[in-house]
């Protein structure tokens, strides 16, 4: 008999759960809620179907907890209104056993929420970027044909075209997609005023993905442009726009990471792209400090320094060498002479009042080149025209590659020392120590963000379980005539739980309130669980 009752309750609750879930998914997913996250215009029917495959799982993760809560309150409220629980109690059946269907459905909803939050939604974000970039030619073509035409730069740049065609071109690296546009007119505006406008006979827009990074490039032909600022017309036969990476709609952030990546970056923060880039810049500072120290050692030993690469060699002599107070770069003064020897045989001799050395950095790689800049009464002579003298106040000499041994020392510098949080100086100067401190702060912030994300995701999933049980218990106590009241009352703890999770996550961002934040994240769930126990152990006995 008990099994028959449980199957009956499970069947009734399951029907309400499925109908409510399907209705909410359709309304939220296709009615605009989640689709507005994408903000794509001019898509075709096929593209909409593809997007639905991405959007519906996200809508399901948001609606399944609500469907479970509603089905629990409706089903148990109706059973209570029909006095079926009174009959069960009279037959000696423990009412708590009849909550097994609620436990099953609430556990199912909690697991679905956990899976969607940790895998489906982050995966959808990555798929949307992939979907947009792979179909970028088609999107641009559709927008060119739309009444509003193609708008760029916050609607300050608008492009019109008479004809557009998508083409596939075979290249050495594989097939490349091109968008051929003819009869082009464009208008550029600033504060609602036209600043530049013109026409082009045709534009070839190429889309490539070297190294999995989508890029766009264009060749424009037969252009006529009027610049309102200068009042001039200009004609060009051809103008190229270099390859530019297509910006990601959802750049990499902690909240868009799947669970596996969160755990991996928490264990090894240096693998996170932003931290890895900061580590590259720190090694660049190490390379610069090592090179400056080598320059100082050479000068103290012989009164001159020698450096360069295969194309250019420099020999610098001066009476004094002093480090710059800002970044510690060497500054040569008094009786300064620089001899520049090039691989083609040209030798230049430069004298000046002073010169300073600078190691340049690149965002894509470590410090790669060093340059000299002479200032004040600069005089240049060459071996090819020894009688000729060139005088000027400033001369920036040809940059040369940083010595390979310096780059090797920087790359082989122990990562453990660079990431050591004991506060011990690396002994390479204040600039290196400042960059190290900034890197450690970035790592600490990343760790706190990941900790907050992990706790909040798990708390959201667990909250589904305790809130659905609360809804069922309230429906039994308040009886069927007040099912909607029970459903509404159940939302009050829901708001409390969500508020504590958000508040706790914000507290976790502050290193001084990390532990407090974790406690606050779970506070709402603990309070709701206590309310569940009180209702199930006391109120249901009456």
Protein backbone atom coordinates (compact mmCIF):
# COMPACT_ATOMS: atom_id res chain seq x y z
CA UNK A 1 0.00 0.00 0.00
CA UNK A 2 2.81 2.40 0.91
CA UNK A 3 4.52 1.83 -2.44
CA UNK A 4 1.20 2.44 -4.22
CA UNK A 5 0.78 5.78 -2.44
CA UNK A 6 4.31 6.85 -3.28
CA UNK A 7 3.86 5.94 -6.96
CA UNK A 8 0.61 7.90 -7.01
CA UNK A 9 2.22 10.99 -5.47
CA UNK A 10 5.24 10.68 -7.73
CA UNK A 11 3.02 10.40 -10.84
CA UNK A 12 0.94 13.45 -9.90
CA UNK A 13 3.95 15.50 -8.92
CA UNK A 14 5.87 14.37 -12.02
CA UNK A 15 3.10 15.53 -14.36
CA UNK A 16 2.97 18.97 -12.72
CA UNK A 17 6.74 19.16 -12.77
CA UNK A 18 7.08 18.32 -16.47
CA UNK A 19 4.25 20.58 -17.64
CA UNK A 20 5.50 23.51 -15.57
CA UNK A 21 9.10 22.97 -16.68
CA UNK A 22 8.21 22.81 -20.39
CA UNK A 23 6.02 25.90 -20.15
CA UNK A 24 8.66 27.94 -18.32
CA UNK A 25 11.44 26.80 -20.63
CA UNK A 26 9.47 27.86 -23.70
CA UNK A 27 8.51 31.21 -22.18
CA UNK A 28 11.93 32.03 -20.76
CA UNK A 29 14.03 30.52 -23.53
CA UNK A 30 12.10 31.59 -26.62
CA UNK A 31 10.06 34.45 -25.23
CA UNK A 32 13.08 36.73 -24.95
CA UNK A 33 14.62 36.11 -21.54
CA UNK A 34 17.69 34.09 -22.43
CA UNK A 35 17.68 34.96 -26.15
CA UNK A 36 18.24 38.61 -25.22
CA UNK A 37 21.61 37.56 -23.80
CA UNK A 38 22.81 36.92 -27.35
CA UNK A 39 21.60 40.12 -29.00
CA UNK A 40 21.93 38.90 -32.58
CA UNK A 41 19.96 40.57 -35.31
CA UNK A 42 19.09 39.44 -38.80
CA UNK A 43 19.62 35.72 -38.20
CA UNK A 44 18.05 33.14 -40.46
CA UNK A 45 15.60 30.41 -39.44
CA UNK A 46 18.38 27.80 -39.51
CA UNK A 47 20.56 29.96 -37.30
CA UNK A 48 17.67 30.44 -34.86
CA UNK A 49 17.29 26.66 -34.63
CA UNK A 50 20.99 26.34 -33.87
CA UNK A 51 20.73 29.03 -31.23
CA UNK A 52 17.75 27.27 -29.66
CA UNK A 53 19.96 24.25 -29.08
CA UNK A 54 22.25 26.49 -27.05
CA UNK A 55 19.61 28.52 -25.26
CA UNK A 56 17.10 25.89 -24.13
CA UNK A 57 19.52 24.09 -21.76
CA UNK A 58 20.25 27.42 -20.09
CA UNK A 59 16.54 28.13 -19.72
CA UNK A 60 16.09 24.63 -18.26
CA UNK A 61 18.70 25.28 -15.58
CA UNK A 62 16.82 28.41 -14.52
CA UNK A 63 13.32 26.95 -14.59
CA UNK A 64 13.68 23.39 -13.22
CA UNK A 65 14.01 24.56 -9.58
CA UNK A 66 10.87 26.71 -9.92
CA UNK A 67 8.99 23.85 -11.58
CA UNK A 68 10.00 21.48 -8.78
CA UNK A 69 8.88 23.95 -6.11
CA UNK A 70 5.55 24.58 -7.81
CA UNK A 71 4.79 20.90 -8.42
CA UNK A 72 5.58 20.08 -4.78
CA UNK A 73 3.26 22.77 -3.39
CA UNK A 74 0.42 21.95 -5.81
CA UNK A 75 0.56 18.18 -5.36
CA UNK A 76 0.93 18.06 -1.57
CA UNK A 77 -1.48 20.96 -1.14
CA UNK A 78 -4.22 19.12 -3.03
CA UNK A 79 -3.59 15.89 -1.10
CA UNK A 80 -3.81 17.83 2.14
CA UNK A 81 -7.04 19.58 1.05
CA UNK A 82 -8.63 16.19 0.25
CA UNK A 83 -7.72 14.96 3.77
CA UNK A 84 -5.69 12.14 2.25
CA UNK A 85 -2.89 12.74 4.73
CA UNK A 86 -5.42 12.45 7.58
CA UNK A 87 -6.48 9.07 6.20
CA UNK A 88 -2.86 7.97 5.89
CA UNK A 89 -2.11 9.00 9.46
CA UNK A 90 -5.22 7.10 10.61
CA UNK A 91 -3.89 4.01 8.84
CA UNK A 92 -0.61 4.29 10.75
CA UNK A 93 1.48 5.60 7.85
CA UNK A 94 4.30 7.99 8.69
CA UNK A 95 3.73 11.17 6.63
CA UNK A 96 7.48 11.74 6.35
CA UNK A 97 7.77 8.60 4.17
CA UNK A 98 5.33 10.15 1.70
CA UNK A 99 7.86 12.93 1.05
CA UNK A 100 10.09 10.49 -0.86
CA UNK A 101 8.83 11.70 -4.32
CA UNK A 102 9.68 15.26 -3.26
CA UNK A 103 13.17 14.17 -2.25
CA UNK A 104 13.67 12.43 -5.60
CA UNK A 105 12.45 15.33 -7.76
CA UNK A 106 14.23 17.96 -5.65
CA UNK A 107 17.45 15.96 -5.83
CA UNK A 108 17.01 15.61 -9.60
CA UNK A 109 16.46 19.37 -9.95
CA UNK A 110 19.47 20.14 -7.74
CA UNK A 111 21.72 17.84 -9.80
CA UNK A 112 20.43 19.35 -13.05
CA UNK A 113 21.09 22.85 -11.73
CA UNK A 114 24.59 21.83 -10.63
CA UNK A 115 25.33 20.31 -14.04
CA UNK A 116 23.93 23.27 -15.98
CA UNK A 117 25.67 25.91 -13.86
CA UNK A 118 29.04 24.16 -14.01
CA UNK A 119 29.02 22.77 -17.55
CA UNK A 120 26.07 23.69 -19.76
CA UNK A 121 26.05 27.49 -19.32
CA UNK A 122 29.87 27.91 -19.61
CA UNK A 123 29.77 25.60 -22.63
CA UNK A 124 26.99 27.67 -24.18
CA UNK A 125 29.03 30.84 -23.75
CA UNK A 126 31.96 29.28 -25.62
CA UNK A 127 29.62 27.90 -28.29
CA UNK A 128 28.02 31.31 -28.83
CA UNK A 129 31.43 32.87 -29.53
CA UNK A 130 32.25 29.99 -31.88
CA UNK A 131 28.83 30.25 -33.50
CA UNK A 132 29.15 34.00 -34.06
CA UNK A 133 32.69 33.90 -35.45
CA UNK A 134 32.07 30.98 -37.80
CA UNK A 135 28.92 32.60 -39.19
CA UNK A 136 30.32 36.14 -39.16
CA UNK A 137 30.21 36.55 -43.00
CA UNK A 138 26.55 35.56 -43.07
CA UNK A 139 25.70 37.91 -40.18
CA UNK A 140 27.40 40.84 -41.89
CA UNK A 141 25.66 40.05 -45.18
CA UNK A 142 22.26 39.94 -43.49
CA UNK A 143 22.88 43.23 -41.68
CA UNK A 144 23.94 44.91 -44.92
CA UNK A 145 20.58 43.87 -46.41
CA UNK A 146 18.57 44.99 -43.35
CA UNK A 147 16.82 48.40 -43.33
CA UNK A 148 19.21 49.76 -40.72
CA UNK A 149 22.24 48.45 -42.62
CA UNK A 150 25.52 47.55 -40.88
CA UNK A 151 26.28 49.75 -37.87
CA UNK A 152 29.67 49.78 -36.13
CA UNK A 153 31.34 51.69 -33.30
CA UNK A 154 28.17 52.29 -31.33
CA UNK A 155 26.17 53.26 -34.44
CA UNK A 156 28.70 56.00 -35.29
CA UNK A 157 29.80 54.17 -38.44
CA UNK A 158 27.19 52.94 -40.92
CA UNK A 159 27.81 50.98 -44.12
CA UNK A 160 25.45 50.59 -47.09
CA UNK A 161 25.89 48.16 -49.99
CA UNK A 162 24.00 47.27 -53.16
CA UNK A 163 25.24 43.69 -53.39
CA UNK A 164 27.06 41.17 -51.21
CA UNK A 165 28.18 37.59 -51.82
CA UNK A 166 29.88 34.98 -49.63
CA UNK A 167 32.77 33.18 -51.32
CA UNK A 168 35.08 30.33 -50.37
CA UNK A 169 38.69 30.84 -51.39
CA UNK A 170 41.34 28.10 -51.37
CA UNK A 171 44.60 29.11 -49.69
CA UNK A 172 47.81 27.36 -48.66
CA UNK A 173 46.53 27.09 -45.08
CA UNK A 174 43.08 25.81 -46.13
CA UNK A 175 39.77 27.25 -47.25
CA UNK A 176 39.10 30.88 -46.28
CA UNK A 177 35.73 32.60 -46.26
CA UNK A 178 35.39 35.97 -47.99
CA UNK A 179 32.53 38.43 -48.23
CA UNK A 180 32.49 40.32 -51.54
CA UNK A 181 30.60 43.63 -51.28
CA UNK A 182 29.83 45.96 -54.20
CA UNK A 183 28.39 49.46 -54.46
CA UNK A 184 29.50 50.52 -50.99
CA UNK A 185 28.69 53.80 -49.29
CA UNK A 186 29.69 54.63 -45.72
CA UNK A 187 29.10 57.43 -43.25
CA UNK A 188 31.14 58.14 -40.13
CA UNK A 189 29.55 60.34 -37.45
CA UNK A 190 30.65 61.99 -34.24
CA UNK A 191 28.06 63.37 -31.81
CA UNK A 192 25.41 63.02 -34.50
CA UNK A 193 27.40 64.98 -37.09
CA UNK A 194 28.90 63.60 -40.27
CA UNK A 195 32.70 63.70 -40.11
CA UNK A 196 33.64 61.45 -43.06
CA UNK A 197 31.67 59.84 -45.84
CA UNK A 198 32.48 58.22 -49.12
CA UNK A 199 32.03 55.38 -51.57
CA UNK A 200 33.90 52.29 -52.69
CA UNK A 201 33.41 50.25 -55.81
CA UNK A 202 33.96 47.01 -53.92
CA UNK A 203 35.28 45.58 -50.67
CA UNK A 204 36.76 42.12 -50.12
CA UNK A 205 36.37 41.09 -46.47
CA UNK A 206 38.36 38.00 -45.48
CA UNK A 207 37.78 35.88 -42.38
CA UNK A 208 40.52 33.57 -41.12
CA UNK A 209 41.33 31.70 -37.93
CA UNK A 210 45.12 31.38 -37.57
CA UNK A 211 45.92 29.68 -34.29
CA UNK A 212 42.20 29.39 -33.44
CA UNK A 213 41.97 33.20 -33.20
CA UNK A 214 39.30 34.52 -35.62
CA UNK A 215 40.51 37.54 -37.57
CA UNK A 216 39.09 39.89 -40.18
CA UNK A 217 40.86 41.82 -42.94
CA UNK A 218 39.59 43.88 -45.86
CA UNK A 219 40.75 45.25 -49.20
CA UNK A 220 38.86 48.28 -50.53
CA UNK A 221 39.00 49.35 -54.18
CA UNK A 222 38.25 52.62 -55.99
CA UNK A 223 37.49 54.79 -52.97
CA UNK A 224 36.28 58.38 -52.87
CA UNK A 225 36.27 59.98 -49.42
CA UNK A 226 35.28 63.43 -48.17
CA UNK A 227 36.67 64.58 -44.81
CA UNK A 228 34.42 67.25 -43.27
CA UNK A 229 37.14 68.36 -40.85
CA UNK A 230 39.64 69.26 -43.58
CA UNK A 231 37.10 69.90 -46.33
CA UNK A 232 39.03 67.74 -48.79
CA UNK A 233 38.10 64.99 -51.22
CA UNK A 234 40.50 62.09 -51.67
CA UNK A 235 40.54 59.28 -54.23
CA UNK A 236 42.30 55.97 -53.66
CA UNK A 237 42.62 52.99 -55.98
CA UNK A 238 43.26 50.52 -53.19
CA UNK A 239 43.42 50.54 -49.42
CA UNK A 240 44.00 47.59 -47.10
CA UNK A 241 42.86 47.09 -43.55
CA UNK A 242 45.20 44.73 -41.74
CA UNK A 243 44.11 41.63 -39.90
CA UNK A 244 42.33 42.41 -36.67
CA UNK A 245 41.15 39.80 -34.16
CA UNK A 246 37.37 39.53 -33.85
CA UNK A 247 36.60 40.42 -30.23
CA UNK A 248 34.97 37.70 -28.17
CA UNK A 249 31.39 38.39 -27.18
CA UNK A 250 32.11 36.77 -23.83
CA UNK A 251 35.79 37.23 -22.89
CA UNK A 252 37.34 34.68 -20.57
CA UNK A 253 36.18 35.30 -17.01
CA UNK A 254 35.99 33.16 -13.92
CA UNK A 255 32.18 33.06 -14.02
CA UNK A 256 32.25 31.53 -17.55
CA UNK A 257 34.60 28.65 -16.66
CA UNK A 258 33.49 25.04 -16.44
CA UNK A 259 34.02 23.22 -13.15
CA UNK A 260 37.14 21.40 -14.34
CA UNK A 261 38.84 24.65 -15.35
CA UNK A 262 37.90 26.29 -12.05
CA UNK A 263 39.53 23.49 -10.07
CA UNK A 264 42.58 23.47 -12.35
CA UNK A 265 43.15 27.23 -12.14
CA UNK A 266 42.59 27.15 -8.38
CA UNK A 267 45.32 24.51 -8.08
CA UNK A 268 47.64 26.21 -10.63
CA UNK A 269 46.76 29.92 -10.95
CA UNK A 270 49.75 30.56 -13.24
CA UNK A 271 47.92 28.66 -16.03
CA UNK A 272 45.15 31.28 -16.15
CA UNK A 273 45.75 33.43 -19.30
CA UNK A 274 45.85 36.79 -17.51
CA UNK A 275 48.17 35.45 -14.80
CA UNK A 276 50.35 33.79 -17.43
CA UNK A 277 50.63 37.13 -19.27
CA UNK A 278 51.55 38.90 -16.03
CA UNK A 279 54.18 36.25 -15.41
CA UNK A 280 55.59 36.95 -18.89
CA UNK A 281 55.86 40.66 -18.04
CA UNK A 282 57.55 39.80 -14.74
CA UNK A 283 60.12 37.71 -16.59
CA UNK A 284 60.61 40.66 -18.96
CA UNK A 285 61.42 42.83 -15.95
CA UNK A 286 63.82 40.13 -14.72
CA UNK A 287 65.54 40.07 -18.12
CA UNK A 288 65.87 43.83 -18.08
CA UNK A 289 67.30 43.82 -14.54
CA UNK A 290 69.82 41.10 -15.47
CA UNK A 291 70.91 43.02 -18.56
CA UNK A 292 71.26 46.31 -16.67
CA UNK A 293 73.35 44.54 -14.04
CA UNK A 294 75.60 43.10 -16.76
CA UNK A 295 76.03 46.58 -18.28
CA UNK A 296 77.00 47.97 -14.89
CA UNK A 297 79.48 45.12 -14.34
CA UNK A 298 81.16 45.76 -17.72
CA UNK A 299 81.42 49.49 -17.06
CA UNK A 300 82.98 49.07 -13.62
CA UNK A 301 85.46 46.57 -15.02
CA UNK A 302 86.65 48.46 -18.11
CA UNK A 303 84.93 51.83 -18.34
CA UNK A 304 83.01 50.76 -21.45
CA UNK A 305 80.15 48.43 -22.40
CA UNK A 306 79.65 46.24 -25.46
CA UNK A 307 76.37 44.73 -26.65
CA UNK A 308 74.48 44.01 -29.88
CA UNK A 309 73.33 41.29 -32.24
CA UNK A 310 74.36 39.93 -35.65
CA UNK A 311 73.25 43.06 -37.49
CA UNK A 312 74.50 45.82 -35.19
CA UNK A 313 77.10 46.08 -32.43
CA UNK A 314 77.54 48.98 -29.97
CA UNK A 315 80.54 50.04 -27.92
CA UNK A 316 79.80 52.79 -25.37
CA UNK A 317 82.44 54.74 -23.45
CA UNK A 318 81.84 57.49 -20.88
CA UNK A 319 83.24 58.83 -17.64
CA UNK A 320 80.17 58.12 -15.50
CA UNK A 321 77.25 55.69 -15.46
CA UNK A 322 74.29 56.34 -13.17
CA UNK A 323 71.01 54.41 -12.87
CA UNK A 324 67.79 56.26 -13.61
CA UNK A 325 65.86 56.78 -10.34
CA UNK A 326 62.56 55.74 -11.97
CA UNK A 327 63.34 52.42 -13.67
CA UNK A 328 67.06 51.85 -12.97
CA UNK A 329 68.08 52.06 -16.65
CA UNK A 330 71.73 53.07 -17.21
CA UNK A 331 72.50 56.68 -18.05
CA UNK A 332 75.89 57.54 -19.58
CA UNK A 333 77.34 61.04 -19.10
CA UNK A 334 80.60 63.00 -19.62
CA UNK A 335 82.97 62.27 -22.49
CA UNK A 336 80.36 60.04 -24.09
CA UNK A 337 81.28 58.17 -27.26
CA UNK A 338 79.16 55.53 -28.98
CA UNK A 339 80.59 53.39 -31.79
CA UNK A 340 77.93 51.65 -33.88
CA UNK A 341 79.17 48.89 -36.19
CA UNK A 342 76.75 47.39 -38.70
CA UNK A 343 76.97 44.12 -40.60
CA UNK A 344 77.17 45.96 -43.95
CA UNK A 345 80.47 47.61 -42.90
CA UNK A 346 79.06 50.99 -41.88
CA UNK A 347 80.62 52.38 -38.71
CA UNK A 348 79.06 55.39 -37.03
CA UNK A 349 80.69 57.33 -34.20
CA UNK A 350 78.29 59.36 -32.03
CA UNK A 351 79.23 61.83 -29.35
CA UNK A 352 76.71 63.56 -27.08
CA UNK A 353 76.25 65.08 -23.65
CA UNK A 354 74.38 61.99 -22.39
CA UNK A 355 72.66 58.81 -23.45
CA UNK A 356 70.31 56.41 -21.75
CA UNK A 357 69.61 52.76 -22.43
CA UNK A 358 66.13 51.21 -22.59
CA UNK A 359 64.96 47.61 -22.85
CA UNK A 360 61.65 47.53 -24.73
CA UNK A 361 58.82 45.12 -23.89
CA UNK A 362 56.22 43.48 -26.06
CA UNK A 363 52.75 42.37 -24.99
CA UNK A 364 53.22 39.15 -26.93
CA UNK A 365 56.61 38.10 -25.55
CA UNK A 366 59.42 38.88 -23.15
CA UNK A 367 61.68 41.93 -23.35
CA UNK A 368 63.24 41.50 -26.79
CA UNK A 369 65.33 44.53 -27.72
CA UNK A 370 67.53 47.23 -26.28
CA UNK A 371 68.03 50.71 -27.66
CA UNK A 372 70.20 53.74 -27.00
CA UNK A 373 69.04 57.33 -27.13
CA UNK A 374 71.62 60.14 -27.26
CA UNK A 375 70.68 63.65 -26.14
CA UNK A 376 72.32 67.08 -26.22
CA UNK A 377 74.93 68.25 -28.75
CA UNK A 378 74.77 65.02 -30.72
CA UNK A 379 77.47 64.75 -33.42
CA UNK A 380 77.63 61.83 -35.86
CA UNK A 381 80.46 60.79 -38.19
CA UNK A 382 80.84 57.69 -40.41
CA UNK A 383 83.74 55.72 -41.86
CA UNK A 384 82.36 56.23 -45.35
CA UNK A 385 82.31 60.03 -45.14
CA UNK A 386 84.75 60.89 -42.33
CA UNK A 387 84.80 64.58 -43.20
CA UNK A 388 81.02 64.97 -42.92
CA UNK A 389 79.56 65.70 -39.49
CA UNK A 390 75.87 65.58 -38.66
CA UNK A 391 74.74 67.62 -35.68
CA UNK A 392 71.41 67.45 -33.89
CA UNK A 393 69.99 67.57 -30.36
CA UNK A 394 68.58 64.05 -30.30
CA UNK A 395 69.35 60.70 -31.92
CA UNK A 396 67.63 57.36 -31.32
CA UNK A 397 69.90 54.52 -32.39
CA UNK A 398 68.80 51.29 -34.05
CA UNK A 399 67.36 48.79 -31.53
CA UNK A 400 69.13 45.45 -31.21
CA UNK A 401 68.02 42.13 -29.83
CA UNK A 402 68.56 41.41 -26.19
CA UNK A 403 71.47 38.95 -25.76
CA UNK A 404 70.37 35.33 -25.89
CA UNK A 405 72.10 34.50 -22.63
CA UNK A 406 70.08 37.20 -20.85
CA UNK A 407 66.81 35.90 -22.29
CA UNK A 408 67.82 32.36 -21.29
CA UNK A 409 68.57 33.44 -17.72
CA UNK A 410 65.19 35.17 -17.46
CA UNK A 411 63.31 32.18 -18.86
CA UNK A 412 65.16 29.76 -16.58
CA UNK A 413 64.59 31.91 -13.49
CA UNK A 414 62.75 29.59 -11.04
CA UNK A 415 58.99 30.10 -11.22
CA UNK A 416 58.73 29.15 -7.54
CA UNK A 417 60.82 32.19 -6.63
CA UNK A 418 58.72 34.45 -8.83
CA UNK A 419 55.54 33.19 -7.12
CA UNK A 420 56.97 33.07 -3.61
CA UNK A 421 54.53 34.89 -1.31
CA UNK A 422 56.86 35.13 1.70
CA UNK A 423 57.64 38.77 0.89
CA UNK A 424 61.32 38.09 0.23
CA UNK A 425 62.90 40.34 -2.40
CA UNK A 426 64.26 38.81 -5.59
CA UNK A 427 67.30 41.08 -5.35
CA UNK A 428 66.79 42.48 -8.86
CA UNK A 429 65.58 45.96 -8.03
CA UNK A 430 62.43 47.67 -6.81
CA UNK A 431 60.68 47.52 -10.20
CA UNK A 432 60.93 43.72 -10.31
CA UNK A 433 59.70 43.48 -6.72
CA UNK A 434 56.75 45.75 -7.52
CA UNK A 435 55.76 43.62 -10.50
CA UNK A 436 56.09 40.49 -8.40
CA UNK A 437 53.85 42.00 -5.71
CA UNK A 438 51.28 42.95 -8.36
CA UNK A 439 51.39 39.43 -9.80
CA UNK A 440 50.88 37.87 -6.36
CA UNK A 441 47.93 40.18 -5.75
CA UNK A 442 46.40 39.13 -9.07
CA UNK A 443 46.86 35.47 -8.13
CA UNK A 444 45.26 36.05 -4.72
CA UNK A 445 42.32 37.82 -6.33
CA UNK A 446 41.90 35.02 -8.88
CA UNK A 447 41.94 32.45 -6.08
CA UNK A 448 39.29 34.38 -4.15
CA UNK A 449 37.14 34.73 -7.28
CA UNK A 450 37.35 31.00 -7.96
CA UNK A 451 36.60 30.20 -4.31
CA UNK A 452 33.54 32.44 -4.37
CA UNK A 453 32.37 30.96 -7.67
CA UNK A 454 32.76 27.37 -6.43
CA UNK A 455 30.90 28.01 -3.17
CA UNK A 456 28.13 30.01 -4.83
CA UNK A 457 27.53 27.40 -7.55
CA UNK A 458 27.37 24.57 -5.02
CA UNK A 459 25.16 26.62 -2.70
CA UNK A 460 22.69 27.42 -5.49
CA UNK A 461 22.39 23.72 -6.31
CA UNK A 462 21.93 22.64 -2.68
CA UNK A 463 19.39 25.41 -2.08
CA UNK A 464 17.06 23.80 -4.65
CA UNK A 465 16.88 20.68 -2.45
CA UNK A 466 15.98 22.43 0.81
CA UNK A 467 13.58 24.94 -0.81
CA UNK A 468 11.50 22.29 -2.59
CA UNK A 469 11.15 20.32 0.64
CA UNK A 470 10.04 23.52 2.38
CA UNK A 471 7.39 24.13 -0.29
CA UNK A 472 5.96 20.62 0.13
CA UNK A 473 5.90 20.93 3.92
CA UNK A 474 4.19 24.34 3.82
CA UNK A 475 1.59 23.03 1.34
CA UNK A 476 0.68 20.23 3.78
CA UNK A 477 0.43 22.60 6.74
CA UNK A 478 -1.54 25.35 4.94
CA UNK A 479 -3.75 22.83 3.05
CA UNK A 480 -4.92 23.00 -0.55
CA UNK A 481 -7.08 26.07 -0.28
CA UNK A 482 -3.92 28.11 0.11
CA UNK A 483 -1.59 26.37 -2.33
CA UNK A 484 -0.58 29.64 -3.97
CA UNK A 485 0.05 31.10 -0.52
CA UNK A 486 2.36 28.20 0.26
CA UNK A 487 4.10 28.69 -3.11
CA UNK A 488 4.46 32.42 -2.41
CA UNK A 489 5.72 31.88 1.13
CA UNK A 490 8.32 29.46 -0.25
CA UNK A 491 9.73 32.28 -2.37
CA UNK A 492 10.57 34.34 0.71
CA UNK A 493 13.29 31.89 1.83
CA UNK A 494 14.36 31.68 -1.83
CA UNK A 495 15.01 35.41 -1.93
CA UNK A 496 16.80 35.17 1.41
CA UNK A 497 19.01 32.32 0.16
CA UNK A 498 19.85 34.12 -3.09
CA UNK A 499 20.63 37.33 -1.18
CA UNK A 500 23.00 35.58 1.21
CA UNK A 501 24.78 33.83 -1.66
CA UNK A 502 25.30 37.12 -3.52
CA UNK A 503 26.33 38.94 -0.35
CA UNK A 504 28.73 36.18 0.66
CA UNK A 505 30.32 36.11 -2.79
CA UNK A 506 30.96 39.85 -2.57
CA UNK A 507 32.53 39.42 0.87
CA UNK A 508 34.82 36.70 -0.48
CA UNK A 509 36.29 39.24 -2.92
CA UNK A 510 37.78 41.06 0.09
CA UNK A 511 40.75 39.15 1.59
CA UNK A 512 39.89 40.37 5.08
CA UNK A 513 36.37 38.90 4.94
CA UNK A 514 37.07 35.67 3.04
CA UNK A 515 36.00 33.31 5.84
CA UNK A 516 33.02 35.48 6.71
CA UNK A 517 31.93 35.49 3.08
CA UNK A 518 31.99 31.69 2.85
CA UNK A 519 29.88 31.49 6.00
CA UNK A 520 27.36 33.99 4.63
CA UNK A 521 27.06 32.04 1.36
CA UNK A 522 25.81 29.01 3.31
CA UNK A 523 23.84 30.96 5.94
CA UNK A 524 20.58 31.06 3.98
CA UNK A 525 20.70 27.34 3.24
CA UNK A 526 21.38 26.48 6.89
CA UNK A 527 18.48 28.67 8.06
CA UNK A 528 16.15 27.15 5.45
CA UNK A 529 17.25 23.65 6.48
CA UNK A 530 16.44 24.43 10.13
CA UNK A 531 12.98 25.65 9.09
CA UNK A 532 12.49 22.39 7.16
CA UNK A 533 13.35 20.35 10.25
CA UNK A 534 11.02 22.37 12.48
CA UNK A 535 8.06 21.98 10.10
CA UNK A 536 8.70 18.30 9.38
CA UNK A 537 9.24 17.30 13.01
CA UNK A 538 6.65 19.45 14.76
CA UNK A 539 4.05 20.99 12.47
CA UNK A 540 3.31 17.77 10.55
CA UNK A 541 2.58 15.90 13.78
CA UNK A 542 -0.45 18.01 14.55
